[in-house]
Amino acid sequence: MTLILLYLVVLVLVATVLFGVGSVLFGRGESLPPLPRATTATVLPASGVTGADVDALKFTQTLRGYKASEVDWVLDRLAGELDALRGELDAVRAAHSMADAASASDEHSA
């Protein structure tokens, strides 16, 4: 019984030493340092969000899904981008309808 206990202790010591040496030599295996707390790797361009940008999004996973603050941030950014695009589209349509109305009145007066 004592011999088995001695083997077990030696095995644990050898494993601990090997783990320590491997950790010092090879590090944690990450190519980048971990992100500080309360930050995210979720990024979107400042403007001109494309479908590829949305497809490339990655969210931090938590116990019950994705981190809500990251998802809310992305949804706010996309809502702002959609509102800006809708505004530009409405301005172009208004300018186009004014040009059509001006050309129609020119045709009637001539």
PDB file of N, CA and C in Angstrom:
ATOM      1  N   MET A   1       0.827  -1.187   0.000  1.00  0.00           N
ATOM      2  CA  MET A   1       0.000   0.000   0.000  1.00  0.00           C
ATOM      3  C   MET A   1       0.874   1.254   0.000  1.00  0.00           C
ATOM      4  N   THR A   2       1.945   1.229   0.762  1.00  0.00           N
ATOM      5  CA  THR A   2       2.844   2.375   0.825  1.00  0.00           C
ATOM      6  C   THR A   2       3.536   2.582  -0.513  1.00  0.00           C
ATOM      7  N   LEU A   3       3.851   1.522  -1.200  1.00  0.00           N
ATOM      8  CA  LEU A   3       4.509   1.605  -2.494  1.00  0.00           C
ATOM      9  C   LEU A   3       3.594   2.264  -3.525  1.00  0.00           C
ATOM     10  N   ILE A   4       2.308   1.961  -3.494  1.00  0.00           N
ATOM     11  CA  ILE A   4       1.356   2.568  -4.425  1.00  0.00           C
ATOM     12  C   ILE A   4       1.224   4.058  -4.126  1.00  0.00           C
ATOM     13  N   LEU A   5       1.168   4.406  -2.866  1.00  0.00           N
ATOM     14  CA  LEU A   5       1.084   5.805  -2.477  1.00  0.00           C
ATOM     15  C   LEU A   5       2.338   6.571  -2.907  1.00  0.00           C
ATOM     16  N   LEU A   6       3.488   5.959  -2.754  1.00  0.00           N
ATOM     17  CA  LEU A   6       4.746   6.571  -3.174  1.00  0.00           C
ATOM     18  C   LEU A   6       4.766   6.784  -4.692  1.00  0.00           C
ATOM     19  N   TYR A   7       4.326   5.788  -5.460  1.00  0.00           N
ATOM     20  CA  TYR A   7       4.235   5.931  -6.923  1.00  0.00           C
ATOM     21  C   TYR A   7       3.283   7.072  -7.300  1.00  0.00           C
ATOM     22  N   LEU A   8       2.183   7.170  -6.607  1.00  0.00           N
ATOM     23  CA  LEU A   8       1.197   8.216  -6.895  1.00  0.00           C
ATOM     24  C   LEU A   8       1.780   9.605  -6.613  1.00  0.00           C
ATOM     25  N   VAL A   9       2.478   9.762  -5.507  1.00  0.00           N
ATOM     26  CA  VAL A   9       3.089  11.048  -5.172  1.00  0.00           C
ATOM     27  C   VAL A   9       4.156  11.410  -6.204  1.00  0.00           C
ATOM     28  N   VAL A  10       4.991  10.461  -6.586  1.00  0.00           N
ATOM     29  CA  VAL A  10       6.030  10.715  -7.592  1.00  0.00           C
ATOM     30  C   VAL A  10       5.388  11.083  -8.925  1.00  0.00           C
ATOM     31  N   LEU A  11       4.333  10.399  -9.293  1.00  0.00           N
ATOM     32  CA  LEU A  11       3.631  10.696 -10.545  1.00  0.00           C
ATOM     33  C   LEU A  11       3.074  12.114 -10.535  1.00  0.00           C
ATOM     34  N   VAL A  12       2.474  12.533  -9.440  1.00  0.00           N
ATOM     35  CA  VAL A  12       1.933  13.895  -9.339  1.00  0.00           C
ATOM     36  C   VAL A  12       3.060  14.917  -9.405  1.00  0.00           C
ATOM     37  N   LEU A  13       4.168  14.659  -8.742  1.00  0.00           N
ATOM     38  CA  LEU A  13       5.306  15.585  -8.783  1.00  0.00           C
ATOM     39  C   LEU A  13       5.887  15.694 -10.185  1.00  0.00           C
ATOM     40  N   VAL A  14       6.042  14.589 -10.872  1.00  0.00           N
ATOM     41  CA  VAL A  14       6.571  14.608 -12.239  1.00  0.00           C
ATOM     42  C   VAL A  14       5.609  15.363 -13.162  1.00  0.00           C
ATOM     43  N   ALA A  15       4.329  15.123 -13.020  1.00  0.00           N
ATOM     44  CA  ALA A  15       3.347  15.825 -13.848  1.00  0.00           C
ATOM     45  C   ALA A  15       3.373  17.321 -13.579  1.00  0.00           C
ATOM     46  N   THR A  16       3.502  17.712 -12.319  1.00  0.00           N
ATOM     47  CA  THR A  16       3.561  19.132 -11.969  1.00  0.00           C
ATOM     48  C   THR A  16       4.802  19.791 -12.556  1.00  0.00           C
ATOM     49  N   VAL A  17       5.929  19.132 -12.468  1.00  0.00           N
ATOM     50  CA  VAL A  17       7.174  19.685 -13.022  1.00  0.00           C
ATOM     51  C   VAL A  17       7.066  19.802 -14.542  1.00  0.00           C
ATOM     52  N   LEU A  18       6.553  18.778 -15.200  1.00  0.00           N
ATOM     53  CA  LEU A  18       6.405  18.834 -16.664  1.00  0.00           C
ATOM     54  C   LEU A  18       5.436  19.940 -17.084  1.00  0.00           C
ATOM     55  N   PHE A  19       4.361  20.084 -16.357  1.00  0.00           N
ATOM     56  CA  PHE A  19       3.411  21.150 -16.663  1.00  0.00           C
ATOM     57  C   PHE A  19       4.059  22.517 -16.488  1.00  0.00           C
ATOM     58  N   GLY A  20       4.812  22.700 -15.404  1.00  0.00           N
ATOM     59  CA  GLY A  20       5.487  23.974 -15.164  1.00  0.00           C
ATOM     60  C   GLY A  20       6.505  24.292 -16.248  1.00  0.00           C
ATOM     61  N   VAL A  21       7.312  23.314 -16.626  1.00  0.00           N
ATOM     62  CA  VAL A  21       8.308  23.519 -17.678  1.00  0.00           C
ATOM     63  C   VAL A  21       7.624  23.826 -19.009  1.00  0.00           C
ATOM     64  N   GLY A  22       6.571  23.091 -19.326  1.00  0.00           N
ATOM     65  CA  GLY A  22       5.844  23.346 -20.574  1.00  0.00           C
ATOM     66  C   GLY A  22       5.203  24.719 -20.596  1.00  0.00           C
ATOM     67  N   SER A  23       4.672  25.169 -19.471  1.00  0.00           N
ATOM     68  CA  SER A  23       4.058  26.500 -19.399  1.00  0.00           C
ATOM     69  C   SER A  23       5.087  27.599 -19.593  1.00  0.00           C
ATOM     70  N   VAL A  24       6.254  27.423 -19.007  1.00  0.00           N
ATOM     71  CA  VAL A  24       7.304  28.434 -19.153  1.00  0.00           C
ATOM     72  C   VAL A  24       7.825  28.466 -20.585  1.00  0.00           C
ATOM     73  N   LEU A  25       8.036  27.309 -21.177  1.00  0.00           N
ATOM     74  CA  LEU A  25       8.597  27.253 -22.527  1.00  0.00           C
ATOM     75  C   LEU A  25       7.608  27.691 -23.599  1.00  0.00           C
ATOM     76  N   PHE A  26       6.364  27.240 -23.500  1.00  0.00           N
ATOM     77  CA  PHE A  26       5.404  27.454 -24.580  1.00  0.00           C
ATOM     78  C   PHE A  26       4.342  28.496 -24.277  1.00  0.00           C
ATOM     79  N   GLY A  27       4.262  28.999 -23.079  1.00  0.00           N
ATOM     80  CA  GLY A  27       3.259  30.001 -22.744  1.00  0.00           C
ATOM     81  C   GLY A  27       1.863  29.403 -22.733  1.00  0.00           C
ATOM     82  N   ARG A  28       0.883  30.279 -22.883  1.00  0.00           N
ATOM     83  CA  ARG A  28      -0.507  29.842 -22.821  1.00  0.00           C
ATOM     84  C   ARG A  28      -1.037  29.397 -24.173  1.00  0.00           C
ATOM     85  N   GLY A  29      -0.255  29.545 -25.212  1.00  0.00           N
ATOM     86  CA  GLY A  29      -0.699  29.116 -26.532  1.00  0.00           C
ATOM     87  C   GLY A  29      -1.510  30.160 -27.266  1.00  0.00           C
ATOM     88  N   GLU A  30      -1.588  31.376 -26.755  1.00  0.00           N
ATOM     89  CA  GLU A  30      -2.337  32.434 -27.419  1.00  0.00           C
ATOM     90  C   GLU A  30      -1.393  33.281 -28.261  1.00  0.00           C
ATOM     91  N   SER A  31      -1.860  33.670 -29.441  1.00  0.00           N
ATOM     92  CA  SER A  31      -1.031  34.526 -30.271  1.00  0.00           C
ATOM     93  C   SER A  31      -1.127  35.983 -29.834  1.00  0.00           C
ATOM     94  N   LEU A  32      -2.211  36.359 -29.173  1.00  0.00           N
ATOM     95  CA  LEU A  32      -2.399  37.713 -28.672  1.00  0.00           C
ATOM     96  C   LEU A  32      -2.694  37.655 -27.180  1.00  0.00           C
ATOM     97  N   PRO A  33      -2.377  38.705 -26.446  1.00  0.00           N
ATOM     98  CA  PRO A  33      -2.727  38.699 -25.025  1.00  0.00           C
ATOM     99  C   PRO A  33      -4.251  38.763 -24.863  1.00  0.00           C
ATOM    100  N   PRO A  34      -4.782  38.272 -23.766  1.00  0.00           N
ATOM    101  CA  PRO A  34      -6.230  38.319 -23.574  1.00  0.00           C
ATOM    102  C   PRO A  34      -6.717  39.761 -23.453  1.00  0.00           C
ATOM    103  N   LEU A  35      -7.971  39.982 -23.825  1.00  0.00           N
ATOM    104  CA  LEU A  35      -8.547  41.317 -23.751  1.00  0.00           C
ATOM    105  C   LEU A  35      -8.765  41.720 -22.299  1.00  0.00           C
ATOM    106  N   PRO A  36      -8.595  42.997 -21.990  1.00  0.00           N
ATOM    107  CA  PRO A  36      -8.916  43.458 -20.631  1.00  0.00           C
ATOM    108  C   PRO A  36     -10.409  43.287 -20.352  1.00  0.00           C
ATOM    109  N   ARG A  37     -10.758  43.214 -19.089  1.00  0.00           N
ATOM    110  CA  ARG A  37     -12.166  43.065 -18.713  1.00  0.00           C
ATOM    111  C   ARG A  37     -12.969  44.271 -19.204  1.00  0.00           C
ATOM    112  N   ALA A  38     -14.218  44.045 -19.493  1.00  0.00           N
ATOM    113  CA  ALA A  38     -15.162  45.083 -19.934  1.00  0.00           C
ATOM    114  C   ALA A  38     -14.807  45.644 -21.309  1.00  0.00           C
ATOM    115  N   THR A  39     -14.049  44.897 -22.114  1.00  0.00           N
ATOM    116  CA  THR A  39     -13.795  45.296 -23.496  1.00  0.00           C
ATOM    117  C   THR A  39     -14.252  44.157 -24.397  1.00  0.00           C
ATOM    118  N   THR A  40     -14.273  44.418 -25.682  1.00  0.00           N
ATOM    119  CA  THR A  40     -14.767  43.419 -26.619  1.00  0.00           C
ATOM    120  C   THR A  40     -13.942  43.433 -27.898  1.00  0.00           C
ATOM    121  N   ALA A  41     -13.956  42.316 -28.580  1.00  0.00           N
ATOM    122  CA  ALA A  41     -13.307  42.232 -29.883  1.00  0.00           C
ATOM    123  C   ALA A  41     -14.318  42.449 -31.006  1.00  0.00           C
ATOM    124  N   THR A  42     -15.561  42.739 -30.660  1.00  0.00           N
ATOM    125  CA  THR A  42     -16.605  42.979 -31.648  1.00  0.00           C
ATOM    126  C   THR A  42     -16.380  44.347 -32.270  1.00  0.00           C
ATOM    127  N   VAL A  43     -16.165  44.379 -33.583  1.00  0.00           N
ATOM    128  CA  VAL A  43     -15.868  45.641 -34.265  1.00  0.00           C
ATOM    129  C   VAL A  43     -16.742  45.803 -35.496  1.00  0.00           C
ATOM    130  N   LEU A  44     -17.045  47.057 -35.803  1.00  0.00           N
ATOM    131  CA  LEU A  44     -17.716  47.444 -37.033  1.00  0.00           C
ATOM    132  C   LEU A  44     -17.037  48.709 -37.536  1.00  0.00           C
ATOM    133  N   PRO A  45     -17.012  48.929 -38.848  1.00  0.00           N
ATOM    134  CA  PRO A  45     -16.433  50.176 -39.351  1.00  0.00           C
ATOM    135  C   PRO A  45     -17.235  51.384 -38.862  1.00  0.00           C
ATOM    136  N   ALA A  46     -16.607  52.553 -38.846  1.00  0.00           N
ATOM    137  CA  ALA A  46     -17.277  53.764 -38.374  1.00  0.00           C
ATOM    138  C   ALA A  46     -18.476  54.114 -39.251  1.00  0.00           C
ATOM    139  N   SER A  47     -18.399  53.823 -40.539  1.00  0.00           N
ATOM    140  CA  SER A  47     -19.528  54.040 -41.442  1.00  0.00           C
ATOM    141  C   SER A  47     -19.370  53.094 -42.625  1.00  0.00           C
ATOM    142  N   GLY A  48     -20.414  52.963 -43.395  1.00  0.00           N
ATOM    143  CA  GLY A  48     -20.351  52.092 -44.568  1.00  0.00           C
ATOM    144  C   GLY A  48     -20.308  50.618 -44.212  1.00  0.00           C
ATOM    145  N   VAL A  49     -21.139  50.206 -43.261  1.00  0.00           N
ATOM    146  CA  VAL A  49     -21.179  48.806 -42.858  1.00  0.00           C
ATOM    147  C   VAL A  49     -21.700  47.969 -44.019  1.00  0.00           C
ATOM    148  N   THR A  50     -21.005  46.887 -44.323  1.00  0.00           N
ATOM    149  CA  THR A  50     -21.426  46.004 -45.412  1.00  0.00           C
ATOM    150  C   THR A  50     -21.923  44.677 -44.845  1.00  0.00           C
ATOM    151  N   GLY A  51     -22.500  43.874 -45.705  1.00  0.00           N
ATOM    152  CA  GLY A  51     -22.949  42.553 -45.292  1.00  0.00           C
ATOM    153  C   GLY A  51     -21.801  41.684 -44.809  1.00  0.00           C
ATOM    154  N   ALA A  52     -20.634  41.840 -45.431  1.00  0.00           N
ATOM    155  CA  ALA A  52     -19.463  41.063 -45.010  1.00  0.00           C
ATOM    156  C   ALA A  52     -19.030  41.451 -43.596  1.00  0.00           C
ATOM    157  N   ASP A  53     -19.168  42.755 -43.256  1.00  0.00           N
ATOM    158  CA  ASP A  53     -18.843  43.194 -41.897  1.00  0.00           C
ATOM    159  C   ASP A  53     -19.758  42.535 -40.882  1.00  0.00           C
ATOM    160  N   VAL A  54     -21.024  42.455 -41.213  1.00  0.00           N
ATOM    161  CA  VAL A  54     -21.991  41.835 -40.303  1.00  0.00           C
ATOM    162  C   VAL A  54     -21.733  40.332 -40.214  1.00  0.00           C
ATOM    163  N   ASP A  55     -21.409  39.697 -41.335  1.00  0.00           N
ATOM    164  CA  ASP A  55     -21.108  38.265 -41.320  1.00  0.00           C
ATOM    165  C   ASP A  55     -19.881  37.942 -40.483  1.00  0.00           C
ATOM    166  N   ALA A  56     -18.927  38.868 -40.431  1.00  0.00           N
ATOM    167  CA  ALA A  56     -17.672  38.625 -39.713  1.00  0.00           C
ATOM    168  C   ALA A  56     -17.778  38.905 -38.215  1.00  0.00           C
ATOM    169  N   LEU A  57     -18.926  39.383 -37.749  1.00  0.00           N
ATOM    170  CA  LEU A  57     -19.074  39.703 -36.323  1.00  0.00           C
ATOM    171  C   LEU A  57     -18.942  38.455 -35.462  1.00  0.00           C
ATOM    172  N   LYS A  58     -18.261  38.613 -34.352  1.00  0.00           N
ATOM    173  CA  LYS A  58     -18.143  37.553 -33.352  1.00  0.00           C
ATOM    174  C   LYS A  58     -18.499  38.163 -32.009  1.00  0.00           C
ATOM    175  N   PHE A  59     -19.337  37.468 -31.251  1.00  0.00           N
ATOM    176  CA  PHE A  59     -19.747  37.938 -29.937  1.00  0.00           C
ATOM    177  C   PHE A  59     -19.158  37.030 -28.868  1.00  0.00           C
ATOM    178  N   THR A  60     -18.897  37.612 -27.704  1.00  0.00           N
ATOM    179  CA  THR A  60     -18.432  36.839 -26.565  1.00  0.00           C
ATOM    180  C   THR A  60     -19.584  35.977 -26.061  1.00  0.00           C
ATOM    181  N   GLN A  61     -19.323  34.698 -25.883  1.00  0.00           N
ATOM    182  CA  GLN A  61     -20.372  33.818 -25.382  1.00  0.00           C
ATOM    183  C   GLN A  61     -20.357  33.806 -23.870  1.00  0.00           C
ATOM    184  N   THR A  62     -21.537  33.844 -23.300  1.00  0.00           N
ATOM    185  CA  THR A  62     -21.693  33.777 -21.859  1.00  0.00           C
ATOM    186  C   THR A  62     -22.499  32.531 -21.525  1.00  0.00           C
ATOM    187  N   LEU A  63     -22.819  32.374 -20.271  1.00  0.00           N
ATOM    188  CA  LEU A  63     -23.510  31.174 -19.817  1.00  0.00           C
ATOM    189  C   LEU A  63     -24.840  30.962 -20.534  1.00  0.00           C
ATOM    190  N   ARG A  64     -25.589  32.021 -20.751  1.00  0.00           N
ATOM    191  CA  ARG A  64     -26.919  31.875 -21.335  1.00  0.00           C
ATOM    192  C   ARG A  64     -27.018  32.453 -22.742  1.00  0.00           C
ATOM    193  N   GLY A  65     -25.921  32.521 -23.472  1.00  0.00           N
ATOM    194  CA  GLY A  65     -25.969  33.024 -24.851  1.00  0.00           C
ATOM    195  C   GLY A  65     -24.811  33.959 -25.121  1.00  0.00           C
ATOM    196  N   TYR A  66     -25.113  35.084 -25.784  1.00  0.00           N
ATOM    197  CA  TYR A  66     -24.097  36.070 -26.108  1.00  0.00           C
ATOM    198  C   TYR A  66     -24.139  37.214 -25.108  1.00  0.00           C
ATOM    199  N   LYS A  67     -23.049  37.959 -25.030  1.00  0.00           N
ATOM    200  CA  LYS A  67     -22.970  39.090 -24.112  1.00  0.00           C
ATOM    201  C   LYS A  67     -23.923  40.178 -24.595  1.00  0.00           C
ATOM    202  N   ALA A  68     -24.900  40.493 -23.792  1.00  0.00           N
ATOM    203  CA  ALA A  68     -25.985  41.394 -24.194  1.00  0.00           C
ATOM    204  C   ALA A  68     -25.474  42.779 -24.571  1.00  0.00           C
ATOM    205  N   SER A  69     -24.483  43.293 -23.880  1.00  0.00           N
ATOM    206  CA  SER A  69     -23.992  44.638 -24.188  1.00  0.00           C
ATOM    207  C   SER A  69     -23.378  44.704 -25.581  1.00  0.00           C
ATOM    208  N   GLU A  70     -22.706  43.634 -26.009  1.00  0.00           N
ATOM    209  CA  GLU A  70     -22.130  43.611 -27.354  1.00  0.00           C
ATOM    210  C   GLU A  70     -23.222  43.570 -28.414  1.00  0.00           C
ATOM    211  N   VAL A  71     -24.228  42.733 -28.192  1.00  0.00           N
ATOM    212  CA  VAL A  71     -25.325  42.615 -29.166  1.00  0.00           C
ATOM    213  C   VAL A  71     -26.084  43.938 -29.250  1.00  0.00           C
ATOM    214  N   ASP A  72     -26.353  44.573 -28.098  1.00  0.00           N
ATOM    215  CA  ASP A  72     -27.051  45.856 -28.097  1.00  0.00           C
ATOM    216  C   ASP A  72     -26.247  46.915 -28.849  1.00  0.00           C
ATOM    217  N   TRP A  73     -24.918  46.925 -28.652  1.00  0.00           N
ATOM    218  CA  TRP A  73     -24.070  47.897 -29.330  1.00  0.00           C
ATOM    219  C   TRP A  73     -24.153  47.714 -30.845  1.00  0.00           C
ATOM    220  N   VAL A  74     -24.065  46.463 -31.296  1.00  0.00           N
ATOM    221  CA  VAL A  74     -24.118  46.193 -32.734  1.00  0.00           C
ATOM    222  C   VAL A  74     -25.476  46.578 -33.302  1.00  0.00           C
ATOM    223  N   LEU A  75     -26.546  46.247 -32.593  1.00  0.00           N
ATOM    224  CA  LEU A  75     -27.879  46.595 -33.086  1.00  0.00           C
ATOM    225  C   LEU A  75     -28.065  48.108 -33.157  1.00  0.00           C
ATOM    226  N   ASP A  76     -27.543  48.850 -32.182  1.00  0.00           N
ATOM    227  CA  ASP A  76     -27.617  50.317 -32.227  1.00  0.00           C
ATOM    228  C   ASP A  76     -26.848  50.867 -33.423  1.00  0.00           C
ATOM    229  N   ARG A  77     -25.649  50.317 -33.666  1.00  0.00           N
ATOM    230  CA  ARG A  77     -24.849  50.774 -34.805  1.00  0.00           C
ATOM    231  C   ARG A  77     -25.559  50.478 -36.122  1.00  0.00           C
ATOM    232  N   LEU A  78     -26.115  49.276 -36.253  1.00  0.00           N
ATOM    233  CA  LEU A  78     -26.802  48.920 -37.495  1.00  0.00           C
ATOM    234  C   LEU A  78     -28.062  49.758 -37.679  1.00  0.00           C
ATOM    235  N   ALA A  79     -28.782  50.051 -36.596  1.00  0.00           N
ATOM    236  CA  ALA A  79     -29.967  50.904 -36.692  1.00  0.00           C
ATOM    237  C   ALA A  79     -29.583  52.300 -37.163  1.00  0.00           C
ATOM    238  N   GLY A  80     -28.494  52.839 -36.631  1.00  0.00           N
ATOM    239  CA  GLY A  80     -28.023  54.156 -37.078  1.00  0.00           C
ATOM    240  C   GLY A  80     -27.617  54.152 -38.537  1.00  0.00           C
ATOM    241  N   GLU A  81     -26.949  53.085 -38.957  1.00  0.00           N
ATOM    242  CA  GLU A  81     -26.531  52.973 -40.357  1.00  0.00           C
ATOM    243  C   GLU A  81     -27.751  52.880 -41.283  1.00  0.00           C
ATOM    244  N   LEU A  82     -28.747  52.101 -40.879  1.00  0.00           N
ATOM    245  CA  LEU A  82     -29.964  51.996 -41.687  1.00  0.00           C
ATOM    246  C   LEU A  82     -30.705  53.325 -41.761  1.00  0.00           C
ATOM    247  N   ASP A  83     -30.790  54.037 -40.639  1.00  0.00           N
ATOM    248  CA  ASP A  83     -31.453  55.348 -40.646  1.00  0.00           C
ATOM    249  C   ASP A  83     -30.728  56.327 -41.565  1.00  0.00           C
ATOM    250  N   ALA A  84     -29.379  56.311 -41.533  1.00  0.00           N
ATOM    251  CA  ALA A  84     -28.612  57.204 -42.401  1.00  0.00           C
ATOM    252  C   ALA A  84     -28.837  56.855 -43.873  1.00  0.00           C
ATOM    253  N   LEU A  85     -28.846  55.574 -44.193  1.00  0.00           N
ATOM    254  CA  LEU A  85     -29.072  55.161 -45.583  1.00  0.00           C
ATOM    255  C   LEU A  85     -30.482  55.504 -46.042  1.00  0.00           C
ATOM    256  N   ARG A  86     -31.461  55.308 -45.155  1.00  0.00           N
ATOM    257  CA  ARG A  86     -32.838  55.681 -45.514  1.00  0.00           C
ATOM    258  C   ARG A  86     -32.941  57.185 -45.757  1.00  0.00           C
ATOM    259  N   GLY A  87     -32.272  57.979 -44.950  1.00  0.00           N
ATOM    260  CA  GLY A  87     -32.271  59.430 -45.141  1.00  0.00           C
ATOM    261  C   GLY A  87     -31.659  59.822 -46.474  1.00  0.00           C
ATOM    262  N   GLU A  88     -30.536  59.209 -46.821  1.00  0.00           N
ATOM    263  CA  GLU A  88     -29.898  59.486 -48.111  1.00  0.00           C
ATOM    264  C   GLU A  88     -30.800  59.064 -49.267  1.00  0.00           C
ATOM    265  N   LEU A  89     -31.447  57.918 -49.134  1.00  0.00           N
ATOM    266  CA  LEU A  89     -32.347  57.434 -50.185  1.00  0.00           C
ATOM    267  C   LEU A  89     -33.533  58.373 -50.356  1.00  0.00           C
ATOM    268  N   ASP A  90     -34.104  58.843 -49.254  1.00  0.00           N
ATOM    269  CA  ASP A  90     -35.220  59.782 -49.341  1.00  0.00           C
ATOM    270  C   ASP A  90     -34.787  61.091 -49.992  1.00  0.00           C
ATOM    271  N   ALA A  91     -33.572  61.572 -49.675  1.00  0.00           N
ATOM    272  CA  ALA A  91     -33.074  62.811 -50.275  1.00  0.00           C
ATOM    273  C   ALA A  91     -32.873  62.641 -51.778  1.00  0.00           C
ATOM    274  N   VAL A  92     -32.342  61.500 -52.195  1.00  0.00           N
ATOM    275  CA  VAL A  92     -32.135  61.245 -53.629  1.00  0.00           C
ATOM    276  C   VAL A  92     -33.481  61.141 -54.344  1.00  0.00           C
ATOM    277  N   ARG A  93     -34.426  60.450 -53.722  1.00  0.00           N
ATOM    278  CA  ARG A  93     -35.751  60.343 -54.345  1.00  0.00           C
ATOM    279  C   ARG A  93     -36.422  61.703 -54.449  1.00  0.00           C
ATOM    280  N   ALA A  94     -36.291  62.529 -53.409  1.00  0.00           N
ATOM    281  CA  ALA A  94     -36.893  63.863 -53.448  1.00  0.00           C
ATOM    282  C   ALA A  94     -36.249  64.708 -54.544  1.00  0.00           C
ATOM    283  N   ALA A  95     -34.934  64.658 -54.661  1.00  0.00           N
ATOM    284  CA  ALA A  95     -34.240  65.415 -55.702  1.00  0.00           C
ATOM    285  C   ALA A  95     -34.644  64.919 -57.088  1.00  0.00           C
ATOM    286  N   HIS A  96     -34.799  63.611 -57.224  1.00  0.00           N
ATOM    287  CA  HIS A  96     -35.190  63.037 -58.511  1.00  0.00           C
ATOM    288  C   HIS A  96     -36.616  63.451 -58.872  1.00  0.00           C
ATOM    289  N   SER A  97     -37.510  63.452 -57.920  1.00  0.00           N
ATOM    290  CA  SER A  97     -38.898  63.839 -58.217  1.00  0.00           C
ATOM    291  C   SER A  97     -38.981  65.327 -58.528  1.00  0.00           C
ATOM    292  N   MET A  98     -38.147  66.153 -57.889  1.00  0.00           N
ATOM    293  CA  MET A  98     -38.130  67.581 -58.209  1.00  0.00           C
ATOM    294  C   MET A  98     -37.605  67.804 -59.624  1.00  0.00           C
ATOM    295  N   ALA A  99     -36.589  67.042 -60.011  1.00  0.00           N
ATOM    296  CA  ALA A  99     -36.041  67.171 -61.363  1.00  0.00           C
ATOM    297  C   ALA A  99     -37.066  66.718 -62.390  1.00  0.00           C
ATOM    298  N   ASP A 100     -37.805  65.627 -62.081  1.00  0.00           N
ATOM    299  CA  ASP A 100     -38.850  65.168 -62.999  1.00  0.00           C
ATOM    300  C   ASP A 100     -39.959  66.205 -63.124  1.00  0.00           C
ATOM    301  N   ALA A 101     -40.337  66.822 -62.007  1.00  0.00           N
ATOM    302  CA  ALA A 101     -41.389  67.825 -62.033  1.00  0.00           C
ATOM    303  C   ALA A 101     -40.938  69.051 -62.812  1.00  0.00           C
ATOM    304  N   ALA A 102     -39.654  69.449 -62.644  1.00  0.00           N
ATOM    305  CA  ALA A 102     -39.146  70.617 -63.376  1.00  0.00           C
ATOM    306  C   ALA A 102     -39.092  70.329 -64.876  1.00  0.00           C
ATOM    307  N   SER A 103     -38.675  69.131 -65.257  1.00  0.00           N
ATOM    308  CA  SER A 103     -38.610  68.805 -66.689  1.00  0.00           C
ATOM    309  C   SER A 103     -40.005  68.688 -67.283  1.00  0.00           C
ATOM    310  N   ALA A 104     -40.967  68.224 -66.514  1.00  0.00           N
ATOM    311  CA  ALA A 104     -42.339  68.118 -67.002  1.00  0.00           C
ATOM    312  C   ALA A 104     -42.931  69.507 -67.194  1.00  0.00           C
ATOM    313  N   SER A 105     -42.658  70.439 -66.285  1.00  0.00           N
ATOM    314  CA  SER A 105     -43.197  71.807 -66.428  1.00  0.00           C
ATOM    315  C   SER A 105     -42.522  72.532 -67.595  1.00  0.00           C
ATOM    316  N   ASP A 106     -41.253  72.227 -67.871  1.00  0.00           N
ATOM    317  CA  ASP A 106     -40.569  72.817 -69.009  1.00  0.00           C
ATOM    318  C   ASP A 106     -41.183  72.343 -70.324  1.00  0.00           C
ATOM    319  N   GLU A 107     -41.590  71.067 -70.371  1.00  0.00           N
ATOM    320  CA  GLU A 107     -42.184  70.506 -71.572  1.00  0.00           C
ATOM    321  C   GLU A 107     -43.553  71.113 -71.837  1.00  0.00           C
ATOM    322  N   HIS A 108     -44.330  71.372 -70.756  1.00  0.00           N
ATOM    323  CA  HIS A 108     -45.664  71.927 -70.916  1.00  0.00           C
ATOM    324  C   HIS A 108     -45.606  73.398 -71.312  1.00  0.00           C
ATOM    325  N   SER A 109     -44.593  74.133 -70.864  1.00  0.00           N
ATOM    326  CA  SER A 109     -44.501  75.557 -71.181  1.00  0.00           C
ATOM    327  C   SER A 109     -43.938  75.777 -72.593  1.00  0.00           C
ATOM    328  N   ALA A 110     -43.282  74.797 -73.157  1.00  0.00           N
ATOM    329  CA  ALA A 110     -42.668  74.976 -74.470  1.00  0.00           C
ATOM    330  C   ALA A 110     -43.591  74.667 -75.587  1.00  0.00           C
TER     331      ALA A 110
END
